[in-house]
Amino acid sequence: MSTSDLVPPYQASSPSDMLVACLCAQWCSTCRDYQSLFDQLQTEFASVKFVWVDIEDHADWVDPIEVENFPTLLIAQGETPLFFGTLTPHIETLRRLLQSQMQSDTPFKGDPEVRGLVSRLRPQH
């Protein structure tokens, strides 16, 4: 199944599962090109849940966060955001970021709305 078939909220097998959500828009050519790279990493990181979120189709999940640049990535472990920000659309950049976040236990220190986004993308357990 490709990430284009996944629509939040996805079913996590446990609250400690790692989530990688790409916030993009269908009209964005960079996003469309990036989606196939994002899909490739889903195969490589089989234990990670990958979710592709079109910010216009799923505005109710993304609001009140303003996504101004693409692609914007959210990485969370369980309910804890680890990373939220714009990333260059290169597979190696995302691969290195995922590998470093899998080894890190430092939570994201940004906007508290990001924690709300993680909750909206995950069902309540």
PDB file of N, CA and C in Angstrom:
ATOM      1  N   MET A   1       0.842  -1.171   0.000  1.00  0.00           N
ATOM      2  CA  MET A   1       0.000   0.000   0.000  1.00  0.00           C
ATOM      3  C   MET A   1       0.889   1.237   0.000  1.00  0.00           C
ATOM      4  N   SER A   2       0.593   2.201  -0.841  1.00  0.00           N
ATOM      5  CA  SER A   2       1.387   3.422  -0.872  1.00  0.00           C
ATOM      6  C   SER A   2       0.832   4.430   0.112  1.00  0.00           C
ATOM      7  N   THR A   3       1.644   5.446   0.409  1.00  0.00           N
ATOM      8  CA  THR A   3       1.192   6.460   1.364  1.00  0.00           C
ATOM      9  C   THR A   3      -0.002   7.220   0.821  1.00  0.00           C
ATOM     10  N   SER A   4      -0.180   7.241  -0.485  1.00  0.00           N
ATOM     11  CA  SER A   4      -1.339   7.946  -1.025  1.00  0.00           C
ATOM     12  C   SER A   4      -2.635   7.244  -0.639  1.00  0.00           C
ATOM     13  N   ASP A   5      -2.537   5.958  -0.252  1.00  0.00           N
ATOM     14  CA  ASP A   5      -3.720   5.218   0.186  1.00  0.00           C
ATOM     15  C   ASP A   5      -3.994   5.399   1.668  1.00  0.00           C
ATOM     16  N   LEU A   6      -3.029   5.931   2.409  1.00  0.00           N
ATOM     17  CA  LEU A   6      -3.189   6.103   3.842  1.00  0.00           C
ATOM     18  C   LEU A   6      -3.807   7.460   4.133  1.00  0.00           C
ATOM     19  N   VAL A   7      -4.813   7.461   4.946  1.00  0.00           N
ATOM     20  CA  VAL A   7      -5.466   8.705   5.326  1.00  0.00           C
ATOM     21  C   VAL A   7      -5.587   8.709   6.831  1.00  0.00           C
ATOM     22  N   PRO A   8      -5.153   9.781   7.505  1.00  0.00           N
ATOM     23  CA  PRO A   8      -5.264   9.832   8.960  1.00  0.00           C
ATOM     24  C   PRO A   8      -6.712   9.720   9.391  1.00  0.00           C
ATOM     25  N   PRO A   9      -7.017   9.262  10.585  1.00  0.00           N
ATOM     26  CA  PRO A   9      -6.041   8.702  11.501  1.00  0.00           C
ATOM     27  C   PRO A   9      -5.736   7.244  11.145  1.00  0.00           C
ATOM     28  N   TYR A  10      -4.494   6.872  11.254  1.00  0.00           N
ATOM     29  CA  TYR A  10      -4.101   5.491  10.979  1.00  0.00           C
ATOM     30  C   TYR A  10      -4.188   4.705  12.284  1.00  0.00           C
ATOM     31  N   GLN A  11      -4.204   3.400  12.196  1.00  0.00           N
ATOM     32  CA  GLN A  11      -4.280   2.556  13.388  1.00  0.00           C
ATOM     33  C   GLN A  11      -2.870   2.190  13.832  1.00  0.00           C
ATOM     34  N   ALA A  12      -2.443   2.689  14.934  1.00  0.00           N
ATOM     35  CA  ALA A  12      -1.144   2.335  15.501  1.00  0.00           C
ATOM     36  C   ALA A  12      -1.302   1.071  16.332  1.00  0.00           C
ATOM     37  N   SER A  13      -0.284   0.212  16.288  1.00  0.00           N
ATOM     38  CA  SER A  13      -0.378  -1.025  17.062  1.00  0.00           C
ATOM     39  C   SER A  13      -0.069  -0.797  18.534  1.00  0.00           C
ATOM     40  N   SER A  14       0.647   0.275  18.847  1.00  0.00           N
ATOM     41  CA  SER A  14       0.907   0.629  20.240  1.00  0.00           C
ATOM     42  C   SER A  14       1.201   2.115  20.310  1.00  0.00           C
ATOM     43  N   PRO A  15       1.019   2.737  21.484  1.00  0.00           N
ATOM     44  CA  PRO A  15       1.256   4.165  21.602  1.00  0.00           C
ATOM     45  C   PRO A  15       2.702   4.569  21.369  1.00  0.00           C
ATOM     46  N   SER A  16       3.625   3.608  21.413  1.00  0.00           N
ATOM     47  CA  SER A  16       5.035   3.950  21.227  1.00  0.00           C
ATOM     48  C   SER A  16       5.465   3.941  19.762  1.00  0.00           C
ATOM     49  N   ASP A  17       4.574   3.610  18.843  1.00  0.00           N
ATOM     50  CA  ASP A  17       4.917   3.573  17.423  1.00  0.00           C
ATOM     51  C   ASP A  17       5.418   4.921  16.928  1.00  0.00           C
ATOM     52  N   MET A  18       6.384   4.856  16.015  1.00  0.00           N
ATOM     53  CA  MET A  18       6.882   6.077  15.387  1.00  0.00           C
ATOM     54  C   MET A  18       5.996   6.419  14.200  1.00  0.00           C
ATOM     55  N   LEU A  19       5.680   7.701  14.094  1.00  0.00           N
ATOM     56  CA  LEU A  19       4.853   8.242  13.023  1.00  0.00           C
ATOM     57  C   LEU A  19       5.675   9.244  12.231  1.00  0.00           C
ATOM     58  N   VAL A  20       5.613   9.157  10.907  1.00  0.00           N
ATOM     59  CA  VAL A  20       6.189  10.169  10.027  1.00  0.00           C
ATOM     60  C   VAL A  20       5.057  10.640   9.125  1.00  0.00           C
ATOM     61  N   ALA A  21       4.690  11.905   9.273  1.00  0.00           N
ATOM     62  CA  ALA A  21       3.621  12.481   8.462  1.00  0.00           C
ATOM     63  C   ALA A  21       4.212  13.564   7.580  1.00  0.00           C
ATOM     64  N   CYS A  22       3.904  13.502   6.308  1.00  0.00           N
ATOM     65  CA  CYS A  22       4.324  14.534   5.369  1.00  0.00           C
ATOM     66  C   CYS A  22       3.104  15.394   5.073  1.00  0.00           C
ATOM     67  N   LEU A  23       3.227  16.682   5.366  1.00  0.00           N
ATOM     68  CA  LEU A  23       2.146  17.634   5.132  1.00  0.00           C
ATOM     69  C   LEU A  23       2.433  18.344   3.820  1.00  0.00           C
ATOM     70  N   CYS A  24       1.605  18.083   2.825  1.00  0.00           N
ATOM     71  CA  CYS A  24       1.816  18.616   1.485  1.00  0.00           C
ATOM     72  C   CYS A  24       0.488  19.036   0.869  1.00  0.00           C
ATOM     73  N   ALA A  25       0.548  19.397  -0.402  1.00  0.00           N
ATOM     74  CA  ALA A  25      -0.655  19.759  -1.146  1.00  0.00           C
ATOM     75  C   ALA A  25      -0.565  19.158  -2.543  1.00  0.00           C
ATOM     76  N   GLN A  26      -1.669  18.668  -3.038  1.00  0.00           N
ATOM     77  CA  GLN A  26      -1.700  18.015  -4.343  1.00  0.00           C
ATOM     78  C   GLN A  26      -1.276  18.961  -5.469  1.00  0.00           C
ATOM     79  N   TRP A  27      -1.574  20.240  -5.345  1.00  0.00           N
ATOM     80  CA  TRP A  27      -1.231  21.202  -6.390  1.00  0.00           C
ATOM     81  C   TRP A  27       0.267  21.506  -6.447  1.00  0.00           C
ATOM     82  N   CYS A  28       1.020  21.118  -5.419  1.00  0.00           N
ATOM     83  CA  CYS A  28       2.451  21.423  -5.320  1.00  0.00           C
ATOM     84  C   CYS A  28       3.263  20.379  -6.094  1.00  0.00           C
ATOM     85  N   SER A  29       3.968  20.808  -7.139  1.00  0.00           N
ATOM     86  CA  SER A  29       4.747  19.865  -7.945  1.00  0.00           C
ATOM     87  C   SER A  29       5.895  19.251  -7.137  1.00  0.00           C
ATOM     88  N   THR A  30       6.475  20.000  -6.225  1.00  0.00           N
ATOM     89  CA  THR A  30       7.533  19.448  -5.366  1.00  0.00           C
ATOM     90  C   THR A  30       6.980  18.307  -4.523  1.00  0.00           C
ATOM     91  N   CYS A  31       5.776  18.491  -3.977  1.00  0.00           N
ATOM     92  CA  CYS A  31       5.142  17.442  -3.175  1.00  0.00           C
ATOM     93  C   CYS A  31       4.870  16.201  -4.010  1.00  0.00           C
ATOM     94  N   ARG A  32       4.340  16.400  -5.200  1.00  0.00           N
ATOM     95  CA  ARG A  32       4.035  15.248  -6.064  1.00  0.00           C
ATOM     96  C   ARG A  32       5.307  14.469  -6.377  1.00  0.00           C
ATOM     97  N   ASP A  33       6.413  15.175  -6.634  1.00  0.00           N
ATOM     98  CA  ASP A  33       7.681  14.497  -6.901  1.00  0.00           C
ATOM     99  C   ASP A  33       8.214  13.798  -5.654  1.00  0.00           C
ATOM    100  N   TYR A  34       8.021  14.413  -4.509  1.00  0.00           N
ATOM    101  CA  TYR A  34       8.537  13.894  -3.240  1.00  0.00           C
ATOM    102  C   TYR A  34       7.782  12.657  -2.765  1.00  0.00           C
ATOM    103  N   GLN A  35       6.529  12.525  -3.151  1.00  0.00           N
ATOM    104  CA  GLN A  35       5.712  11.428  -2.649  1.00  0.00           C
ATOM    105  C   GLN A  35       6.303  10.067  -2.991  1.00  0.00           C
ATOM    106  N   SER A  36       6.870   9.901  -4.166  1.00  0.00           N
ATOM    107  CA  SER A  36       7.447   8.591  -4.517  1.00  0.00           C
ATOM    108  C   SER A  36       8.676   8.287  -3.653  1.00  0.00           C
ATOM    109  N   LEU A  37       9.455   9.316  -3.283  1.00  0.00           N
ATOM    110  CA  LEU A  37      10.600   9.111  -2.394  1.00  0.00           C
ATOM    111  C   LEU A  37      10.125   8.737  -0.992  1.00  0.00           C
ATOM    112  N   PHE A  38       9.090   9.416  -0.547  1.00  0.00           N
ATOM    113  CA  PHE A  38       8.477   9.135   0.759  1.00  0.00           C
ATOM    114  C   PHE A  38       7.992   7.687   0.796  1.00  0.00           C
ATOM    115  N   ASP A  39       7.362   7.245  -0.294  1.00  0.00           N
ATOM    116  CA  ASP A  39       6.890   5.859  -0.404  1.00  0.00           C
ATOM    117  C   ASP A  39       8.050   4.866  -0.315  1.00  0.00           C
ATOM    118  N   GLN A  40       9.192   5.192  -0.924  1.00  0.00           N
ATOM    119  CA  GLN A  40      10.356   4.299  -0.882  1.00  0.00           C
ATOM    120  C   GLN A  40      10.815   4.062   0.549  1.00  0.00           C
ATOM    121  N   LEU A  41      10.824   5.110   1.352  1.00  0.00           N
ATOM    122  CA  LEU A  41      11.286   4.959   2.732  1.00  0.00           C
ATOM    123  C   LEU A  41      10.297   4.171   3.576  1.00  0.00           C
ATOM    124  N   GLN A  42       9.041   4.164   3.191  1.00  0.00           N
ATOM    125  CA  GLN A  42       8.055   3.363   3.906  1.00  0.00           C
ATOM    126  C   GLN A  42       8.447   1.894   3.850  1.00  0.00           C
ATOM    127  N   THR A  43       8.993   1.456   2.753  1.00  0.00           N
ATOM    128  CA  THR A  43       9.446   0.068   2.609  1.00  0.00           C
ATOM    129  C   THR A  43      10.696  -0.175   3.446  1.00  0.00           C
ATOM    130  N   GLU A  44      11.615   0.786   3.428  1.00  0.00           N
ATOM    131  CA  GLU A  44      12.881   0.646   4.164  1.00  0.00           C
ATOM    132  C   GLU A  44      12.687   0.663   5.680  1.00  0.00           C
ATOM    133  N   PHE A  45      11.773   1.482   6.165  1.00  0.00           N
ATOM    134  CA  PHE A  45      11.501   1.619   7.598  1.00  0.00           C
ATOM    135  C   PHE A  45      10.133   1.001   7.897  1.00  0.00           C
ATOM    136  N   ALA A  46      10.063  -0.318   7.807  1.00  0.00           N
ATOM    137  CA  ALA A  46       8.786  -1.026   7.911  1.00  0.00           C
ATOM    138  C   ALA A  46       8.096  -0.856   9.262  1.00  0.00           C
ATOM    139  N   SER A  47       8.854  -0.593  10.325  1.00  0.00           N
ATOM    140  CA  SER A  47       8.242  -0.447  11.645  1.00  0.00           C
ATOM    141  C   SER A  47       7.689   0.951  11.889  1.00  0.00           C
ATOM    142  N   VAL A  48       7.912   1.864  10.950  1.00  0.00           N
ATOM    143  CA  VAL A  48       7.458   3.250  11.082  1.00  0.00           C
ATOM    144  C   VAL A  48       6.163   3.430  10.297  1.00  0.00           C
ATOM    145  N   LYS A  49       5.219   4.169  10.871  1.00  0.00           N
ATOM    146  CA  LYS A  49       3.963   4.471  10.181  1.00  0.00           C
ATOM    147  C   LYS A  49       4.148   5.759   9.384  1.00  0.00           C
ATOM    148  N   PHE A  50       3.960   5.680   8.075  1.00  0.00           N
ATOM    149  CA  PHE A  50       4.074   6.833   7.187  1.00  0.00           C
ATOM    150  C   PHE A  50       2.673   7.273   6.776  1.00  0.00           C
ATOM    151  N   VAL A  51       2.429   8.569   6.858  1.00  0.00           N
ATOM    152  CA  VAL A  51       1.122   9.112   6.496  1.00  0.00           C
ATOM    153  C   VAL A  51       1.335  10.341   5.618  1.00  0.00           C
ATOM    154  N   TRP A  52       0.656  10.371   4.492  1.00  0.00           N
ATOM    155  CA  TRP A  52       0.695  11.503   3.578  1.00  0.00           C
ATOM    156  C   TRP A  52      -0.572  12.314   3.838  1.00  0.00           C
ATOM    157  N   VAL A  53      -0.421  13.576   4.212  1.00  0.00           N
ATOM    158  CA  VAL A  53      -1.564  14.414   4.576  1.00  0.00           C
ATOM    159  C   VAL A  53      -1.641  15.593   3.623  1.00  0.00           C
ATOM    160  N   ASP A  54      -2.671  15.622   2.802  1.00  0.00           N
ATOM    161  CA  ASP A  54      -2.917  16.780   1.952  1.00  0.00           C
ATOM    162  C   ASP A  54      -3.561  17.843   2.838  1.00  0.00           C
ATOM    163  N   ILE A  55      -2.871  18.967   3.011  1.00  0.00           N
ATOM    164  CA  ILE A  55      -3.333  19.967   3.978  1.00  0.00           C
ATOM    165  C   ILE A  55      -4.635  20.637   3.572  1.00  0.00           C
ATOM    166  N   GLU A  56      -5.011  20.533   2.316  1.00  0.00           N
ATOM    167  CA  GLU A  56      -6.290  21.093   1.888  1.00  0.00           C
ATOM    168  C   GLU A  56      -7.417  20.083   2.063  1.00  0.00           C
ATOM    169  N   ASP A  57      -7.154  18.832   1.711  1.00  0.00           N
ATOM    170  CA  ASP A  57      -8.171  17.791   1.882  1.00  0.00           C
ATOM    171  C   ASP A  57      -8.423  17.479   3.350  1.00  0.00           C
ATOM    172  N   HIS A  58      -7.404  17.667   4.201  1.00  0.00           N
ATOM    173  CA  HIS A  58      -7.505  17.331   5.622  1.00  0.00           C
ATOM    174  C   HIS A  58      -7.211  18.548   6.498  1.00  0.00           C
ATOM    175  N   ALA A  59      -7.739  19.682   6.094  1.00  0.00           N
ATOM    176  CA  ALA A  59      -7.502  20.928   6.834  1.00  0.00           C
ATOM    177  C   ALA A  59      -7.970  20.831   8.277  1.00  0.00           C
ATOM    178  N   ASP A  60      -9.023  20.063   8.541  1.00  0.00           N
ATOM    179  CA  ASP A  60      -9.525  19.935   9.911  1.00  0.00           C
ATOM    180  C   ASP A  60      -8.530  19.223  10.817  1.00  0.00           C
ATOM    181  N   TRP A  61      -7.649  18.388  10.265  1.00  0.00           N
ATOM    182  CA  TRP A  61      -6.622  17.743  11.071  1.00  0.00           C
ATOM    183  C   TRP A  61      -5.430  18.675  11.299  1.00  0.00           C
ATOM    184  N   VAL A  62      -5.127  19.498  10.309  1.00  0.00           N
ATOM    185  CA  VAL A  62      -3.938  20.338  10.360  1.00  0.00           C
ATOM    186  C   VAL A  62      -4.181  21.641  11.134  1.00  0.00           C
ATOM    187  N   ASP A  63      -5.368  22.228  10.993  1.00  0.00           N
ATOM    188  CA  ASP A  63      -5.677  23.491  11.689  1.00  0.00           C
ATOM    189  C   ASP A  63      -5.537  23.322  13.177  1.00  0.00           C
ATOM    190  N   PRO A  64      -4.993  24.263  13.884  1.00  0.00           N
ATOM    191  CA  PRO A  64      -4.682  25.647  13.538  1.00  0.00           C
ATOM    192  C   PRO A  64      -3.248  25.880  13.077  1.00  0.00           C
ATOM    193  N   ILE A  65      -2.514  24.830  12.747  1.00  0.00           N
ATOM    194  CA  ILE A  65      -1.129  24.982  12.295  1.00  0.00           C
ATOM    195  C   ILE A  65      -1.119  25.526  10.876  1.00  0.00           C
ATOM    196  N   GLU A  66      -0.288  26.528  10.654  1.00  0.00           N
ATOM    197  CA  GLU A  66      -0.104  27.091   9.320  1.00  0.00           C
ATOM    198  C   GLU A  66       1.087  26.403   8.650  1.00  0.00           C
ATOM    199  N   VAL A  67       0.834  25.683   7.578  1.00  0.00           N
ATOM    200  CA  VAL A  67       1.904  25.056   6.810  1.00  0.00           C
ATOM    201  C   VAL A  67       2.203  25.992   5.651  1.00  0.00           C
ATOM    202  N   GLU A  68       3.387  26.595   5.683  1.00  0.00           N
ATOM    203  CA  GLU A  68       3.731  27.611   4.699  1.00  0.00           C
ATOM    204  C   GLU A  68       4.703  27.120   3.641  1.00  0.00           C
ATOM    205  N   ASN A  69       5.457  26.063   3.924  1.00  0.00           N
ATOM    206  CA  ASN A  69       6.448  25.541   2.985  1.00  0.00           C
ATOM    207  C   ASN A  69       6.307  24.031   2.882  1.00  0.00           C
ATOM    208  N   PHE A  70       6.683  23.516   1.720  1.00  0.00           N
ATOM    209  CA  PHE A  70       6.554  22.093   1.456  1.00  0.00           C
ATOM    210  C   PHE A  70       7.899  21.494   1.073  1.00  0.00           C
ATOM    211  N   PRO A  71       8.118  20.227   1.391  1.00  0.00           N
ATOM    212  CA  PRO A  71       7.313  19.405   2.286  1.00  0.00           C
ATOM    213  C   PRO A  71       7.603  19.743   3.749  1.00  0.00           C
ATOM    214  N   THR A  72       6.567  19.680   4.564  1.00  0.00           N
ATOM    215  CA  THR A  72       6.707  19.842   6.013  1.00  0.00           C
ATOM    216  C   THR A  72       6.529  18.458   6.624  1.00  0.00           C
ATOM    217  N   LEU A  73       7.469  18.081   7.494  1.00  0.00           N
ATOM    218  CA  LEU A  73       7.471  16.761   8.103  1.00  0.00           C
ATOM    219  C   LEU A  73       7.171  16.839   9.586  1.00  0.00           C
ATOM    220  N   LEU A  74       6.411  15.871  10.050  1.00  0.00           N
ATOM    221  CA  LEU A  74       6.161  15.665  11.472  1.00  0.00           C
ATOM    222  C   LEU A  74       6.650  14.265  11.797  1.00  0.00           C
ATOM    223  N   ILE A  75       7.525  14.157  12.787  1.00  0.00           N
ATOM    224  CA  ILE A  75       7.974  12.852  13.276  1.00  0.00           C
ATOM    225  C   ILE A  75       7.602  12.797  14.746  1.00  0.00           C
ATOM    226  N   ALA A  76       6.927  11.728  15.142  1.00  0.00           N
ATOM    227  CA  ALA A  76       6.505  11.573  16.536  1.00  0.00           C
ATOM    228  C   ALA A  76       6.764  10.152  16.984  1.00  0.00           C
ATOM    229  N   GLN A  77       7.070  10.021  18.263  1.00  0.00           N
ATOM    230  CA  GLN A  77       7.189   8.715  18.910  1.00  0.00           C
ATOM    231  C   GLN A  77       6.057   8.648  19.908  1.00  0.00           C
ATOM    232  N   GLY A  78       5.110   7.742  19.684  1.00  0.00           N
ATOM    233  CA  GLY A  78       3.910   7.738  20.518  1.00  0.00           C
ATOM    234  C   GLY A  78       3.189   9.063  20.345  1.00  0.00           C
ATOM    235  N   GLU A  79       2.873   9.716  21.451  1.00  0.00           N
ATOM    236  CA  GLU A  79       2.195  11.012  21.405  1.00  0.00           C
ATOM    237  C   GLU A  79       3.171  12.181  21.447  1.00  0.00           C
ATOM    238  N   THR A  80       4.476  11.898  21.442  1.00  0.00           N
ATOM    239  CA  THR A  80       5.488  12.937  21.604  1.00  0.00           C
ATOM    240  C   THR A  80       6.086  13.360  20.270  1.00  0.00           C
ATOM    241  N   PRO A  81       5.892  14.611  19.864  1.00  0.00           N
ATOM    242  CA  PRO A  81       6.545  15.095  18.654  1.00  0.00           C
ATOM    243  C   PRO A  81       8.053  15.147  18.854  1.00  0.00           C
ATOM    244  N   LEU A  82       8.794  14.677  17.860  1.00  0.00           N
ATOM    245  CA  LEU A  82      10.251  14.729  17.902  1.00  0.00           C
ATOM    246  C   LEU A  82      10.800  15.772  16.937  1.00  0.00           C
ATOM    247  N   PHE A  83      10.099  15.964  15.825  1.00  0.00           N
ATOM    248  CA  PHE A  83      10.537  16.908  14.793  1.00  0.00           C
ATOM    249  C   PHE A  83       9.309  17.448  14.083  1.00  0.00           C
ATOM    250  N   PHE A  84       9.328  18.746  13.783  1.00  0.00           N
ATOM    251  CA  PHE A  84       8.299  19.349  12.949  1.00  0.00           C
ATOM    252  C   PHE A  84       8.950  20.487  12.182  1.00  0.00           C
ATOM    253  N   GLY A  85       8.970  20.378  10.872  1.00  0.00           N
ATOM    254  CA  GLY A  85       9.555  21.446  10.083  1.00  0.00           C
ATOM    255  C   GLY A  85       9.664  21.096   8.616  1.00  0.00           C
ATOM    256  N   THR A  86      10.083  22.081   7.861  1.00  0.00           N
ATOM    257  CA  THR A  86      10.284  21.916   6.427  1.00  0.00           C
ATOM    258  C   THR A  86      11.591  21.170   6.194  1.00  0.00           C
ATOM    259  N   LEU A  87      11.576  20.323   5.199  1.00  0.00           N
ATOM    260  CA  LEU A  87      12.732  19.507   4.890  1.00  0.00           C
ATOM    261  C   LEU A  87      12.992  19.584   3.394  1.00  0.00           C
ATOM    262  N   THR A  88      14.263  19.602   3.002  1.00  0.00           N
ATOM    263  CA  THR A  88      14.556  19.563   1.573  1.00  0.00           C
ATOM    264  C   THR A  88      14.042  18.239   1.012  1.00  0.00           C
ATOM    265  N   PRO A  89      13.476  18.260  -0.173  1.00  0.00           N
ATOM    266  CA  PRO A  89      12.835  17.051  -0.713  1.00  0.00           C
ATOM    267  C   PRO A  89      13.824  16.064  -1.334  1.00  0.00           C
ATOM    268  N   HIS A  90      14.715  15.547  -0.490  1.00  0.00           N
ATOM    269  CA  HIS A  90      15.707  14.568  -0.928  1.00  0.00           C
ATOM    270  C   HIS A  90      15.596  13.347  -0.028  1.00  0.00           C
ATOM    271  N   ILE A  91      15.637  12.173  -0.632  1.00  0.00           N
ATOM    272  CA  ILE A  91      15.462  10.937   0.126  1.00  0.00           C
ATOM    273  C   ILE A  91      16.545  10.764   1.187  1.00  0.00           C
ATOM    274  N   GLU A  92      17.782  11.121   0.877  1.00  0.00           N
ATOM    275  CA  GLU A  92      18.867  10.957   1.852  1.00  0.00           C
ATOM    276  C   GLU A  92      18.665  11.851   3.076  1.00  0.00           C
ATOM    277  N   THR A  93      18.134  13.042   2.866  1.00  0.00           N
ATOM    278  CA  THR A  93      17.884  13.955   3.986  1.00  0.00           C
ATOM    279  C   THR A  93      16.855  13.352   4.930  1.00  0.00           C
ATOM    280  N   LEU A  94      15.771  12.832   4.382  1.00  0.00           N
ATOM    281  CA  LEU A  94      14.743  12.212   5.219  1.00  0.00           C
ATOM    282  C   LEU A  94      15.273  10.944   5.878  1.00  0.00           C
ATOM    283  N   ARG A  95      16.032  10.142   5.152  1.00  0.00           N
ATOM    284  CA  ARG A  95      16.596   8.911   5.719  1.00  0.00           C
ATOM    285  C   ARG A  95      17.481   9.234   6.931  1.00  0.00           C
ATOM    286  N   ARG A  96      18.384  10.210   6.779  1.00  0.00           N
ATOM    287  CA  ARG A  96      19.263  10.588   7.894  1.00  0.00           C
ATOM    288  C   ARG A  96      18.467  11.144   9.069  1.00  0.00           C
ATOM    289  N   LEU A  97      17.454  11.965   8.774  1.00  0.00           N
ATOM    290  CA  LEU A  97      16.625  12.521   9.842  1.00  0.00           C
ATOM    291  C   LEU A  97      15.904  11.405  10.598  1.00  0.00           C
ATOM    292  N   LEU A  98      15.340  10.450   9.880  1.00  0.00           N
ATOM    293  CA  LEU A  98      14.651   9.328  10.532  1.00  0.00           C
ATOM    294  C   LEU A  98      15.607   8.516  11.390  1.00  0.00           C
ATOM    295  N   GLN A  99      16.775   8.222  10.853  1.00  0.00           N
ATOM    296  CA  GLN A  99      17.748   7.442  11.609  1.00  0.00           C
ATOM    297  C   GLN A  99      18.162   8.178  12.883  1.00  0.00           C
ATOM    298  N   SER A 100      18.375   9.484  12.792  1.00  0.00           N
ATOM    299  CA  SER A 100      18.781  10.230  13.989  1.00  0.00           C
ATOM    300  C   SER A 100      17.641  10.323  14.998  1.00  0.00           C
ATOM    301  N   GLN A 101      16.405  10.485  14.541  1.00  0.00           N
ATOM    302  CA  GLN A 101      15.268  10.573  15.454  1.00  0.00           C
ATOM    303  C   GLN A 101      14.964   9.230  16.111  1.00  0.00           C
ATOM    304  N   MET A 102      15.241   8.133  15.426  1.00  0.00           N
ATOM    305  CA  MET A 102      15.022   6.812  16.011  1.00  0.00           C
ATOM    306  C   MET A 102      15.996   6.551  17.156  1.00  0.00           C
ATOM    307  N   GLN A 103      17.123   7.252  17.149  1.00  0.00           N
ATOM    308  CA  GLN A 103      18.128   7.076  18.192  1.00  0.00           C
ATOM    309  C   GLN A 103      18.067   8.171  19.243  1.00  0.00           C
ATOM    310  N   SER A 104      17.183   9.116  19.083  1.00  0.00           N
ATOM    311  CA  SER A 104      17.096  10.265  19.984  1.00  0.00           C
ATOM    312  C   SER A 104      15.912  10.122  20.929  1.00  0.00           C
ATOM    313  N   ASP A 105      16.049  10.692  22.107  1.00  0.00           N
ATOM    314  CA  ASP A 105      14.903  10.740  23.008  1.00  0.00           C
ATOM    315  C   ASP A 105      14.615  12.196  23.406  1.00  0.00           C
ATOM    316  N   THR A 106      15.079  13.134  22.570  1.00  0.00           N
ATOM    317  CA  THR A 106      14.865  14.546  22.826  1.00  0.00           C
ATOM    318  C   THR A 106      13.580  14.990  22.141  1.00  0.00           C
ATOM    319  N   PRO A 107      12.562  15.370  22.905  1.00  0.00           N
ATOM    320  CA  PRO A 107      11.310  15.794  22.289  1.00  0.00           C
ATOM    321  C   PRO A 107      11.429  17.155  21.620  1.00  0.00           C
ATOM    322  N   PHE A 108      10.565  17.378  20.677  1.00  0.00           N
ATOM    323  CA  PHE A 108      10.442  18.643  19.961  1.00  0.00           C
ATOM    324  C   PHE A 108      10.054  19.735  20.948  1.00  0.00           C
ATOM    325  N   LYS A 109      10.719  20.866  20.863  1.00  0.00           N
ATOM    326  CA  LYS A 109      10.471  21.943  21.823  1.00  0.00           C
ATOM    327  C   LYS A 109       9.654  23.083  21.210  1.00  0.00           C
ATOM    328  N   GLY A 110       8.901  22.823  20.176  1.00  0.00           N
ATOM    329  CA  GLY A 110       8.205  23.884  19.461  1.00  0.00           C
ATOM    330  C   GLY A 110       6.775  24.093  19.905  1.00  0.00           C
ATOM    331  N   ASP A 111       5.999  24.571  18.993  1.00  0.00           N
ATOM    332  CA  ASP A 111       4.609  24.944  19.174  1.00  0.00           C
ATOM    333  C   ASP A 111       3.790  23.806  19.795  1.00  0.00           C
ATOM    334  N   PRO A 112       3.044  24.075  20.876  1.00  0.00           N
ATOM    335  CA  PRO A 112       2.227  23.024  21.495  1.00  0.00           C
ATOM    336  C   PRO A 112       1.120  22.510  20.564  1.00  0.00           C
ATOM    337  N   GLU A 113       0.798  23.268  19.528  1.00  0.00           N
ATOM    338  CA  GLU A 113      -0.211  22.804  18.573  1.00  0.00           C
ATOM    339  C   GLU A 113       0.259  21.557  17.822  1.00  0.00           C
ATOM    340  N   VAL A 114       1.565  21.361  17.748  1.00  0.00           N
ATOM    341  CA  VAL A 114       2.097  20.184  17.065  1.00  0.00           C
ATOM    342  C   VAL A 114       1.696  18.922  17.819  1.00  0.00           C
ATOM    343  N   ARG A 115       1.699  18.976  19.145  1.00  0.00           N
ATOM    344  CA  ARG A 115       1.248  17.821  19.937  1.00  0.00           C
ATOM    345  C   ARG A 115      -0.219  17.516  19.622  1.00  0.00           C
ATOM    346  N   GLY A 116      -1.011  18.555  19.446  1.00  0.00           N
ATOM    347  CA  GLY A 116      -2.410  18.364  19.065  1.00  0.00           C
ATOM    348  C   GLY A 116      -2.540  17.710  17.707  1.00  0.00           C
ATOM    349  N   LEU A 117      -1.660  18.080  16.782  1.00  0.00           N
ATOM    350  CA  LEU A 117      -1.679  17.455  15.460  1.00  0.00           C
ATOM    351  C   LEU A 117      -1.365  15.970  15.568  1.00  0.00           C
ATOM    352  N   VAL A 118      -0.385  15.621  16.378  1.00  0.00           N
ATOM    353  CA  VAL A 118      -0.057  14.201  16.578  1.00  0.00           C
ATOM    354  C   VAL A 118      -1.292  13.459  17.087  1.00  0.00           C
ATOM    355  N   SER A 119      -1.978  14.038  18.052  1.00  0.00           N
ATOM    356  CA  SER A 119      -3.182  13.402  18.594  1.00  0.00           C
ATOM    357  C   SER A 119      -4.277  13.243  17.557  1.00  0.00           C
ATOM    358  N   ARG A 120      -4.409  14.230  16.677  1.00  0.00           N
ATOM    359  CA  ARG A 120      -5.449  14.137  15.638  1.00  0.00           C
ATOM    360  C   ARG A 120      -5.102  13.093  14.598  1.00  0.00           C
ATOM    361  N   LEU A 121      -3.817  12.827  14.400  1.00  0.00           N
ATOM    362  CA  LEU A 121      -3.403  11.830  13.427  1.00  0.00           C
ATOM    363  C   LEU A 121      -3.419  10.418  14.004  1.00  0.00           C
ATOM    364  N   ARG A 122      -3.484  10.308  15.310  1.00  0.00           N
ATOM    365  CA  ARG A 122      -3.534   9.010  15.985  1.00  0.00           C
ATOM    366  C   ARG A 122      -4.889   8.827  16.656  1.00  0.00           C
ATOM    367  N   PRO A 123      -5.446   7.624  16.589  1.00  0.00           N
ATOM    368  CA  PRO A 123      -6.676   7.378  17.355  1.00  0.00           C
ATOM    369  C   PRO A 123      -6.368   7.317  18.833  1.00  0.00           C
ATOM    370  N   GLN A 124      -7.320   7.621  19.666  1.00  0.00           N
ATOM    371  CA  GLN A 124      -7.133   7.534  21.113  1.00  0.00           C
ATOM    372  C   GLN A 124      -7.120   6.073  21.519  1.00  0.00           C
ATOM    373  N   HIS A 125      -6.190   5.722  22.389  1.00  0.00           N
ATOM    374  CA  HIS A 125      -6.062   4.322  22.871  1.00  0.00           C
ATOM    375  C   HIS A 125      -6.661   4.202  24.240  1.00  0.00           C
TER     376      HIS A 125
END
